[in-house]
Amino acid sequence: MSKNKNLPAIIVMFALFFMIAFVTNFAGSMGVIVTKQFGATKALSQLGTLANFIAYACMGIPAGIILKRKGYKFTALAAVIVGLVGVAIQWISGPAQNFAVYVAGAFVAGFSMCMLNIVVNPMLNTLGGGGNEGNRLIQLGGSCNSIGGTIAPILLGYLVGGSLETATVKDAAPAMILAMAIFALAAVIIALTKIPEPHMETPEEKAARKAGTIQKDPHGPLSFRHFILGAIAIFFYVGIEVGIPNTANVYFSEIPWVGPALTGTMIGAYWFCMMLGRLAGGAVGGKVSPKSMLAGMSILAIVFLLAFIFTPESANIAMFGKELPIALIFIVLCGLCTSVMWGSIFNLATEGLGKYTATASGIFMTLVCGGGIIPFLQNLLADQVGSIESYWLQIACLCYLVFYALVGSKNVNTNIKVD
């Protein structure tokens, strides 16, 4: 397939990447509000994010089956409709003044995010022909993801203002309405766009499945060691990507002379750095191997977090007309590192899987629940030992990514037939 012929499909995938980050990061940023309106602890402030990502554990494998049987277009269209419903429920939680309704909305929205991730990653990898070029397209798509991630915390910080004392879920209503409008527009665009279906089951396969005559394949994605270790790496990675800014957002927003508006801007800068990193990753993705990219950025992230932990809280720098904690700058810089990790892990873990790629993507999405579990555990730890000290958990997760890049990503099951 020519690149020109694939361009419309690539643009749609990039747009879906944007939506994934906007809705997901919005749930994380809402943790700042619920600590005041509902008196939530740091751990409970992450319930929206936890609900959003637990949905991945519930929907990951079913979404992979839907993708195989119904194709990319059907799955993407269903996902944006579910996303619209989820955000609408979150919006209703404002007038209802009910935290449980908000968490339920985040859970429903999580189903949508899972289904969208199921679509965009293998689709972009396929459109790029796999390998370094597939990784390059995923990195470029990730840049659109970062734009959505950048806008969400900045917008919410602006809506809340300089103080948390009177902040409520109602303050976030304009952002929710924007999200619903994006979903509605995306549904129309997807319905009108022709999307290739390289992994959809054939009529023969469908007939055999209904007749119950399909011979059970003795192998699958879990037959590959590098995929199993890669799925674990995704669990830790998403927890790293989300946990680093979420924990900092709650912690620094509570400091009176920093506040939610400035903190939201800096957390937005973290996601902006992810966008810059993904653009750079897309530019060099054809020349630098995913293994080198993942190992190098994981080690650099460890360095930044160590600097964050050991920088005195009293160390400040003048910025935006205020005294900004220098430690927060190291959090922002971590965005450069986490930017290229997803694409690198996905590429390494699915390399050589062939016909098992679609099913593997569903398992991958199940393990994305780490994006809710790791931040929850980190903030549970923060309630006990302090927010800064809780970042040792993130360093431990990053150490695993270094191991995966250097050792665990090697395909030792090349004898399995995948075509």
Protein backbone atom coordinates (compact mmCIF):
# COMPACT_ATOMS: atom_id res chain seq x y z
CA MET A 1 0.00 0.00 0.00
CA SER A 2 1.32 3.40 -0.93
CA LYS A 3 1.84 6.06 1.67
CA ASN A 4 -0.47 8.49 -0.20
CA LYS A 5 -3.27 5.93 -0.17
CA ASN A 6 -2.77 5.41 3.57
CA LEU A 7 -2.67 9.12 4.43
CA PRO A 8 -6.38 9.53 5.36
CA ALA A 9 -6.21 6.51 7.66
CA ILE A 10 -3.00 7.80 9.27
CA ILE A 11 -4.60 11.22 9.92
CA VAL A 12 -7.61 9.56 11.59
CA MET A 13 -5.31 7.46 13.79
CA PHE A 14 -3.41 10.61 14.82
CA ALA A 15 -6.73 12.29 15.74
CA LEU A 16 -7.69 9.31 17.90
CA PHE A 17 -4.31 9.50 19.63
CA PHE A 18 -5.18 13.11 20.61
CA MET A 19 -8.49 12.04 22.14
CA ILE A 20 -6.93 9.27 24.21
CA ALA A 21 -4.60 11.68 26.03
CA PHE A 22 -7.08 14.52 26.46
CA VAL A 23 -9.69 12.38 28.21
CA THR A 24 -7.15 10.33 30.20
CA ASN A 25 -5.20 13.35 31.47
CA PHE A 26 -8.40 15.15 32.29
CA ALA A 27 -9.27 12.33 34.72
CA GLY A 28 -5.83 12.63 36.31
CA SER A 29 -6.06 16.40 36.67
CA MET A 30 -9.46 16.12 38.36
CA GLY A 31 -7.65 14.54 41.32
CA VAL A 32 -6.62 18.08 42.31
CA ILE A 33 -10.29 19.11 42.70
CA VAL A 34 -11.58 16.07 44.58
CA THR A 35 -8.98 16.45 47.33
CA LYS A 36 -10.82 19.63 48.35
CA GLN A 37 -14.45 19.17 47.32
CA PHE A 38 -14.74 15.64 48.66
CA GLY A 39 -11.91 15.66 51.21
CA ALA A 40 -10.15 12.80 49.45
CA THR A 41 -6.70 11.60 50.48
CA LYS A 42 -3.89 11.61 47.92
CA ALA A 43 -4.60 7.95 47.17
CA LEU A 44 -8.36 8.49 46.77
CA SER A 45 -7.70 11.50 44.55
CA GLN A 46 -6.48 8.98 41.97
CA LEU A 47 -9.73 6.98 41.92
CA GLY A 48 -10.83 8.65 38.67
CA THR A 49 -7.56 7.64 37.02
CA LEU A 50 -7.73 4.18 38.61
CA ALA A 51 -11.29 3.65 37.32
CA ASN A 52 -10.24 4.88 33.88
CA PHE A 53 -7.39 2.41 33.66
CA ILE A 54 -9.06 -0.54 35.40
CA ALA A 55 -11.45 -0.46 32.45
CA TYR A 56 -8.45 -1.54 30.35
CA ALA A 57 -8.13 -4.72 32.41
CA CYS A 58 -11.82 -5.47 31.79
CA MET A 59 -11.92 -4.50 28.11
CA GLY A 60 -8.46 -5.28 26.77
CA ILE A 61 -9.02 -8.84 25.55
CA PRO A 62 -12.69 -8.36 24.51
CA ALA A 63 -11.64 -5.28 22.50
CA GLY A 64 -8.99 -7.36 20.75
CA ILE A 65 -11.68 -9.89 19.79
CA ILE A 66 -13.95 -7.09 18.53
CA LEU A 67 -11.07 -5.73 16.44
CA LYS A 68 -10.44 -9.14 14.89
CA ARG A 69 -14.10 -9.85 14.08
CA LYS A 70 -15.43 -6.36 13.24
CA GLY A 71 -12.32 -4.50 12.10
CA TYR A 72 -10.64 -1.18 12.85
CA LYS A 73 -13.43 1.13 11.64
CA PHE A 74 -16.22 -0.51 13.65
CA THR A 75 -14.06 -0.66 16.78
CA ALA A 76 -13.00 2.99 16.49
CA LEU A 77 -16.57 4.20 15.90
CA ALA A 78 -17.90 2.20 18.85
CA ALA A 79 -15.08 3.57 21.00
CA VAL A 80 -15.84 7.24 20.38
CA ILE A 81 -19.55 6.69 21.09
CA VAL A 82 -18.71 4.99 24.40
CA GLY A 83 -16.28 7.83 25.15
CA LEU A 84 -18.98 10.44 24.60
CA VAL A 85 -21.26 8.61 27.06
CA GLY A 86 -18.45 8.34 29.64
CA VAL A 87 -17.61 12.04 29.54
CA ALA A 88 -21.33 12.89 29.69
CA ILE A 89 -21.62 10.90 32.93
CA GLN A 90 -18.63 12.79 34.35
CA TRP A 91 -20.27 16.07 33.37
CA ILE A 92 -23.48 15.04 35.17
CA SER A 93 -21.46 14.42 38.36
CA GLY A 94 -20.95 18.20 38.63
CA PRO A 95 -24.60 19.21 39.08
CA ALA A 96 -25.20 16.00 41.08
CA GLN A 97 -22.22 16.80 43.33
CA ASN A 98 -21.53 13.08 43.54
CA PHE A 99 -18.00 11.68 43.48
CA ALA A 100 -19.25 8.13 42.78
CA VAL A 101 -20.98 9.32 39.60
CA TYR A 102 -17.74 10.96 38.47
CA VAL A 103 -15.75 7.77 39.09
CA ALA A 104 -18.39 5.76 37.17
CA GLY A 105 -18.03 8.15 34.23
CA ALA A 106 -14.26 7.77 34.31
CA PHE A 107 -14.72 3.99 34.26
CA VAL A 108 -16.98 4.14 31.18
CA ALA A 109 -14.57 6.55 29.46
CA GLY A 110 -11.81 4.06 30.19
CA PHE A 111 -13.55 1.46 28.01
CA SER A 112 -13.37 3.95 25.15
CA MET A 113 -9.70 4.73 25.72
CA CYS A 114 -8.88 1.02 25.75
CA MET A 115 -10.71 0.39 22.48
CA LEU A 116 -9.05 3.38 20.82
CA ASN A 117 -5.60 2.19 21.90
CA ILE A 118 -6.44 -1.25 20.49
CA VAL A 119 -7.03 0.43 17.12
CA VAL A 120 -4.34 3.09 16.76
CA ASN A 121 -1.19 1.22 17.76
CA PRO A 122 -1.36 -1.87 15.51
CA MET A 123 -2.91 0.24 12.72
CA LEU A 124 -0.04 2.73 12.65
CA ASN A 125 2.52 -0.05 13.00
CA THR A 126 0.90 -1.84 10.04
CA LEU A 127 0.64 1.31 7.91
CA GLY A 128 4.34 1.87 8.50
CA GLY A 129 5.23 -1.70 7.54
CA GLY A 130 6.49 -2.59 11.05
CA GLY A 131 10.10 -2.27 12.14
CA ASN A 132 11.70 1.18 12.46
CA GLU A 133 9.19 2.83 10.11
CA GLY A 134 6.27 1.43 12.11
CA ASN A 135 7.92 2.76 15.26
CA ARG A 136 8.35 6.16 13.57
CA LEU A 137 4.63 6.45 12.79
CA ILE A 138 3.70 5.45 16.34
CA GLN A 139 6.06 8.13 17.69
CA LEU A 140 4.53 10.77 15.40
CA GLY A 141 1.04 9.68 16.41
CA GLY A 142 2.21 9.92 19.99
CA SER A 143 3.01 13.60 19.36
CA CYS A 144 -0.70 14.21 18.73
CA ASN A 145 -1.34 12.27 21.92
CA SER A 146 0.94 14.67 23.77
CA ILE A 147 -0.92 17.71 22.43
CA GLY A 148 -4.11 16.40 24.00
CA GLY A 149 -2.20 15.58 27.16
CA THR A 150 -0.71 19.08 27.28
CA ILE A 151 -4.02 20.88 26.86
CA ALA A 152 -6.01 18.94 29.51
CA PRO A 153 -4.10 19.92 32.72
CA ILE A 154 -3.49 23.49 31.56
CA LEU A 155 -7.17 23.96 30.73
CA LEU A 156 -8.31 22.47 34.04
CA GLY A 157 -5.75 24.53 36.00
CA TYR A 158 -7.04 27.66 34.26
CA LEU A 159 -10.66 26.76 35.04
CA VAL A 160 -9.86 26.14 38.72
CA GLY A 161 -7.74 29.27 39.06
CA GLY A 162 -5.13 30.12 41.67
CA SER A 163 -6.74 28.44 44.67
CA LEU A 164 -8.26 25.05 45.48
CA GLU A 165 -10.39 26.28 48.36
CA THR A 166 -13.57 26.79 46.30
CA ALA A 167 -12.84 24.38 43.43
CA THR A 168 -15.64 21.99 42.39
CA VAL A 169 -16.30 19.52 39.59
CA LYS A 170 -18.65 22.11 38.07
CA ASP A 171 -15.60 24.27 37.30
CA ALA A 172 -14.44 21.63 34.83
CA ALA A 173 -17.74 21.58 32.86
CA PRO A 174 -16.38 23.57 29.86
CA ALA A 175 -13.57 21.05 29.37
CA MET A 176 -16.04 18.15 29.52
CA ILE A 177 -18.29 19.80 26.95
CA LEU A 178 -15.26 20.26 24.68
CA ALA A 179 -14.39 16.58 25.06
CA MET A 180 -17.93 15.54 24.13
CA ALA A 181 -17.80 17.77 21.06
CA ILE A 182 -14.49 16.17 20.01
CA PHE A 183 -15.98 12.70 20.34
CA ALA A 184 -19.06 13.67 18.30
CA LEU A 185 -16.92 15.16 15.52
CA ALA A 186 -14.63 12.12 15.51
CA ALA A 187 -17.61 9.79 15.09
CA VAL A 188 -18.64 11.65 11.93
CA ILE A 189 -15.10 11.66 10.51
CA ILE A 190 -14.54 7.95 11.19
CA ALA A 191 -17.89 7.05 9.62
CA LEU A 192 -16.87 8.87 6.42
CA THR A 193 -13.26 7.63 6.25
CA LYS A 194 -12.11 4.46 4.51
CA ILE A 195 -9.81 2.53 6.84
CA PRO A 196 -7.77 -0.54 5.78
CA GLU A 197 -8.63 -3.81 7.55
CA PRO A 198 -5.44 -5.93 7.40
CA HIS A 199 -6.17 -8.04 10.49
CA MET A 200 -9.93 -8.56 10.21
CA GLU A 201 -11.04 -12.18 10.02
CA THR A 202 -11.81 -13.48 6.54
CA PRO A 203 -15.27 -14.79 5.53
CA GLU A 204 -13.78 -18.29 5.62
CA GLU A 205 -12.51 -17.78 9.16
CA LYS A 206 -15.89 -16.35 10.22
CA ALA A 207 -17.76 -19.33 8.76
CA ALA A 208 -15.38 -21.77 10.42
CA ARG A 209 -15.74 -19.98 13.77
CA LYS A 210 -19.55 -20.14 13.62
CA ALA A 211 -19.44 -23.78 12.59
CA GLY A 212 -17.02 -24.56 15.39
CA THR A 213 -14.56 -26.14 12.99
CA ILE A 214 -11.60 -23.87 13.69
CA GLN A 215 -8.57 -25.86 14.69
CA LYS A 216 -7.18 -24.50 17.93
CA ASP A 217 -3.81 -22.88 17.43
CA PRO A 218 -1.32 -24.38 19.90
CA HIS A 219 0.49 -21.05 20.01
CA GLY A 220 -0.39 -17.43 20.69
CA PRO A 221 1.20 -14.18 21.87
CA LEU A 222 1.86 -15.70 25.28
CA SER A 223 4.06 -18.30 23.59
CA PHE A 224 6.66 -15.57 23.10
CA ARG A 225 8.82 -14.66 26.08
CA HIS A 226 9.68 -11.21 24.73
CA PHE A 227 5.97 -10.40 24.43
CA ILE A 228 5.18 -11.49 28.00
CA LEU A 229 8.01 -9.37 29.38
CA GLY A 230 6.93 -6.53 27.08
CA ALA A 231 3.36 -6.64 28.40
CA ILE A 232 4.78 -6.31 31.93
CA ALA A 233 6.92 -3.42 30.68
CA ILE A 234 3.77 -1.69 29.39
CA PHE A 235 2.14 -2.13 32.83
CA PHE A 236 5.08 -0.36 34.47
CA TYR A 237 5.53 2.20 31.68
CA VAL A 238 1.97 3.56 31.74
CA GLY A 239 2.21 3.77 35.52
CA ILE A 240 5.40 5.80 35.08
CA GLU A 241 3.95 8.09 32.42
CA VAL A 242 0.81 8.86 34.44
CA GLY A 243 2.17 8.60 37.98
CA ILE A 244 5.03 11.08 37.56
CA PRO A 245 2.82 14.09 36.63
CA ASN A 246 -0.31 13.07 38.61
CA THR A 247 1.48 12.81 41.94
CA ALA A 248 3.34 16.07 41.34
CA ASN A 249 0.07 17.79 40.35
CA VAL A 250 -1.65 16.92 43.63
CA TYR A 251 1.43 17.68 45.74
CA PHE A 252 2.40 21.07 44.28
CA SER A 253 -1.20 22.28 43.84
CA GLU A 254 -1.61 22.10 47.62
CA ILE A 255 1.36 24.42 48.20
CA PRO A 256 -0.25 27.89 48.61
CA TRP A 257 2.49 29.87 46.85
CA VAL A 258 2.43 27.51 43.86
CA GLY A 259 -1.29 26.71 43.46
CA PRO A 260 -3.27 24.70 40.87
CA ALA A 261 -3.00 27.19 37.98
CA LEU A 262 0.81 27.32 37.94
CA THR A 263 1.09 23.62 38.72
CA GLY A 264 -1.36 22.76 35.94
CA THR A 265 0.75 24.81 33.53
CA MET A 266 3.90 22.94 34.52
CA ILE A 267 2.17 19.56 34.29
CA GLY A 268 0.99 20.64 30.86
CA ALA A 269 4.64 21.39 30.09
CA TYR A 270 5.45 17.76 31.02
CA TRP A 271 3.05 16.55 28.32
CA PHE A 272 4.38 19.20 25.94
CA CYS A 273 7.87 17.78 26.49
CA MET A 274 6.41 14.39 25.60
CA MET A 275 5.21 15.88 22.33
CA LEU A 276 8.67 17.31 21.59
CA GLY A 277 10.26 14.00 22.46
CA ARG A 278 7.89 12.09 20.21
CA LEU A 279 8.55 14.46 17.33
CA ALA A 280 12.26 13.89 17.84
CA GLY A 281 11.61 10.16 18.15
CA GLY A 282 9.67 10.22 14.90
CA ALA A 283 12.53 12.04 13.19
CA VAL A 284 15.22 9.60 14.31
CA GLY A 285 13.02 6.50 14.65
CA GLY A 286 14.22 5.16 11.33
CA LYS A 287 17.86 5.37 12.43
CA VAL A 288 17.81 4.59 16.15
CA SER A 289 16.62 1.16 17.26
CA PRO A 290 13.69 0.89 19.71
CA LYS A 291 15.99 -1.03 22.07
CA SER A 292 18.53 1.81 22.26
CA MET A 293 15.78 4.41 22.54
CA LEU A 294 14.05 2.64 25.43
CA ALA A 295 17.24 1.91 27.39
CA GLY A 296 18.68 5.41 26.98
CA MET A 297 15.51 7.28 27.91
CA SER A 298 14.79 5.03 30.90
CA ILE A 299 18.24 5.69 32.35
CA LEU A 300 17.87 9.45 31.76
CA ALA A 301 14.47 9.41 33.51
CA ILE A 302 16.07 7.74 36.53
CA VAL A 303 18.65 10.53 36.63
CA PHE A 304 15.93 13.22 36.53
CA LEU A 305 13.91 11.56 39.30
CA LEU A 306 16.97 11.23 41.51
CA ALA A 307 17.59 14.95 40.96
CA PHE A 308 13.94 15.63 41.88
CA ILE A 309 14.17 13.60 45.09
CA PHE A 310 17.42 15.12 46.31
CA THR A 311 16.79 18.76 45.31
CA PRO A 312 15.90 20.76 48.46
CA GLU A 313 12.26 21.84 48.59
CA SER A 314 13.42 25.37 49.38
CA ALA A 315 15.31 25.64 46.05
CA ASN A 316 13.28 27.92 43.77
CA ILE A 317 13.62 29.81 40.51
CA ALA A 318 11.69 32.87 39.33
CA MET A 319 9.23 31.91 36.56
CA PHE A 320 5.82 33.17 35.41
CA GLY A 321 6.11 35.97 37.97
CA LYS A 322 6.32 33.44 40.82
CA GLU A 323 8.88 31.38 42.67
CA LEU A 324 8.80 27.96 41.06
CA PRO A 325 10.28 24.90 42.83
CA ILE A 326 13.31 23.69 40.86
CA ALA A 327 12.31 20.12 41.70
CA LEU A 328 9.17 20.54 39.60
CA ILE A 329 11.33 21.29 36.55
CA PHE A 330 12.86 17.81 36.77
CA ILE A 331 9.32 16.37 36.65
CA VAL A 332 8.69 18.34 33.46
CA LEU A 333 11.92 17.06 31.89
CA CYS A 334 10.84 13.47 32.53
CA GLY A 335 8.30 14.03 29.77
CA LEU A 336 11.15 14.00 27.25
CA CYS A 337 12.04 10.52 28.45
CA THR A 338 8.60 8.92 28.68
CA SER A 339 7.74 10.29 25.23
CA VAL A 340 9.28 7.46 23.21
CA MET A 341 8.83 4.55 25.59
CA TRP A 342 5.37 3.36 24.51
CA GLY A 343 6.23 3.06 20.83
CA SER A 344 9.54 1.40 21.60
CA ILE A 345 8.00 -1.20 23.92
CA PHE A 346 5.10 -1.92 21.57
CA ASN A 347 7.49 -2.34 18.65
CA LEU A 348 9.86 -4.61 20.56
CA ALA A 349 7.11 -6.73 22.11
CA THR A 350 5.14 -7.33 18.88
CA GLU A 351 8.13 -7.77 16.57
CA GLY A 352 7.94 -11.21 14.97
CA LEU A 353 4.38 -12.00 16.17
CA GLY A 354 2.82 -11.91 12.69
CA LYS A 355 -0.76 -13.24 12.79
CA TYR A 356 -0.81 -12.98 16.59
CA THR A 357 -0.44 -9.17 16.54
CA ALA A 358 -4.15 -8.29 16.93
CA THR A 359 -4.61 -10.64 19.89
CA ALA A 360 -1.35 -9.40 21.38
CA SER A 361 -2.63 -5.82 21.19
CA GLY A 362 -5.66 -6.80 23.28
CA ILE A 363 -3.44 -8.34 25.96
CA PHE A 364 -1.29 -5.22 25.82
CA MET A 365 -4.32 -3.05 26.53
CA THR A 366 -5.24 -5.19 29.52
CA LEU A 367 -1.86 -4.41 31.10
CA VAL A 368 -2.35 -0.67 30.50
CA CYS A 369 -4.30 -0.79 33.77
CA GLY A 370 -0.90 -0.10 35.33
CA GLY A 371 -1.62 3.55 34.50
CA GLY A 372 -4.23 3.52 37.25
CA ILE A 373 -2.72 1.01 39.67
CA ILE A 374 0.81 2.42 39.87
CA PRO A 375 -0.30 6.07 40.53
CA PHE A 376 -2.78 4.80 43.14
CA LEU A 377 -0.06 2.79 44.89
CA GLN A 378 2.34 5.73 44.64
CA ASN A 379 -0.14 8.10 46.26
CA LEU A 380 -1.01 5.49 48.87
CA LEU A 381 2.71 5.49 49.61
CA ALA A 382 2.71 9.30 49.54
CA ASP A 383 0.04 9.38 52.26
CA GLN A 384 2.40 7.33 54.44
CA VAL A 385 5.93 8.56 53.71
CA GLY A 386 5.49 11.74 51.64
CA SER A 387 4.96 12.60 47.99
CA ILE A 388 8.66 13.13 47.16
CA GLU A 389 9.75 9.85 48.74
CA SER A 390 7.02 7.99 46.82
CA TYR A 391 9.00 8.51 43.60
CA TRP A 392 11.32 5.65 44.56
CA LEU A 393 8.51 3.42 43.27
CA GLN A 394 8.82 5.09 39.87
CA ILE A 395 12.58 4.54 39.84
CA ALA A 396 12.05 0.82 40.50
CA CYS A 397 9.65 0.63 37.54
CA LEU A 398 12.17 2.40 35.30
CA CYS A 399 14.84 -0.12 36.27
CA TYR A 400 12.63 -2.87 34.88
CA LEU A 401 12.34 -1.00 31.56
CA VAL A 402 16.14 -0.88 31.33
CA PHE A 403 16.22 -4.64 31.89
CA TYR A 404 13.58 -5.23 29.21
CA ALA A 405 15.36 -3.10 26.64
CA LEU A 406 18.75 -4.70 27.17
CA VAL A 407 17.78 -8.31 27.92
CA GLY A 408 14.06 -9.14 27.94
CA SER A 409 13.18 -7.86 24.46
CA LYS A 410 15.11 -10.54 22.57
CA ASN A 411 12.86 -12.96 20.67
CA VAL A 412 13.93 -16.43 21.78
CA ASN A 413 10.90 -18.18 20.20
CA THR A 414 11.74 -17.73 16.51
CA ASN A 415 10.83 -21.38 15.80
CA ILE A 416 7.07 -20.59 16.07
CA LYS A 417 5.32 -20.14 12.70
CA VAL A 418 3.58 -16.73 12.57
CA ASP A 419 2.35 -16.39 8.95
